[in-house]
């Protein structure tokens, strides 16, 4: 290898970003940080810049950018601070960049991730919402640019590892019967239904197996995260929604499975640590050390499976309906969920009302074709407006 690969990390201060930087730091001969982005944790972002010396760092607003630039100079760094979406798109598409970790949460990650795709970069996709919102447009851009798209969600990375190399020919053509997408069931898998109206944001964020950000933790509790992953799997692996089955697996040791027509079922197992799929995607098609401890099957001792209860997890039902409807429905689903989860985290709505808000938005707004990015963001904006109107109407 003549030089280290140059890596941009979008969403560097989140759990995926930090895990990515941990893996990169273990292999300085292979990888070098080119650019970082962060949202509000400026002190943490400064510390990451001091440690990794990127050429660029991006923050959302001008005034924090000025303060960060002063702090970087005081630390003796030549790192240049860029601002906003324009800055994100620049560090995602810079000619010097080899690979982009797309780990910005939610719709905000769509444009910079697409900029990286259009520039033909190797994309490590942790921002599932980008693909959920603009699936057909996103995959069309991948094919046009020749970009390499590698999934980072532990489930999709597991499926990727269990698929034959020529899976792009179609599931039937490569003998795949179905994809089994595993889910932990989150913190409320066995909570009495009557108690769900009174659970707190702190309880929803207390995932039994994974350490994640607050928004994705709530999505995991409601299983909306799994619904978004179902939609993502359809686009990544050219599958119909009926070919993707969700299986609750509380131990989070089997990360997903692929069922073949000959009766073979291939599974990818490992400890619940995001450094495994990150290392897999960074080094693909090679393998590198991720820092993750070996799986101790004797300590695990048992593997349990159960079907998800859609009365307990209505968000999963809504996501499957959006996947089947296609067009603008997934973008509206995602937007309504982002508004509803933010309101729940602010303690403005109760946990079951997350699904109520999403269902009302999907019922009120007709599904329309999305032929370009403007149509995607129009659907997103309409869904957000309807969700906010629900909150206003209910005095929230």
Foldseek 3Di string as FASTA:
>chain_A
DPAAAEEEEEALPFQLNVLLVLQCVVCVRHHAYAEYEHEPPLVVVLVVCLVRQHQEYEYADDVSQVVSVVVCVVSVGNRHYDHRPVVLLCVLQPPRHAEYEQADEAPSSQVSQLSNLLSQHAYADPHLNNCLLPVVVSVVSNVVSVHHYAYLQLQRNFVVVQAPPVLLVDCVVRQFQAKEAEAQLFQCNPPPPVCQQPDALVSQQPGPADHGDSLVSNCSNLVLNVLSVLLSNCRVRVDASVRYAYKHKNQCFFRIWIAGPVGDIDTDGDGPDSLQSSQVSVDPPDHDDSVGDGDDCVVVVDIDIDHDDCVSRVSNVQSSVLSNVDAQSSLLLRLLLVLLSVCRNVVLGGSVCSSVLSVVLSVPDDHDHDPDVVSSVVSSVSSNVSSVVVSVVVVD
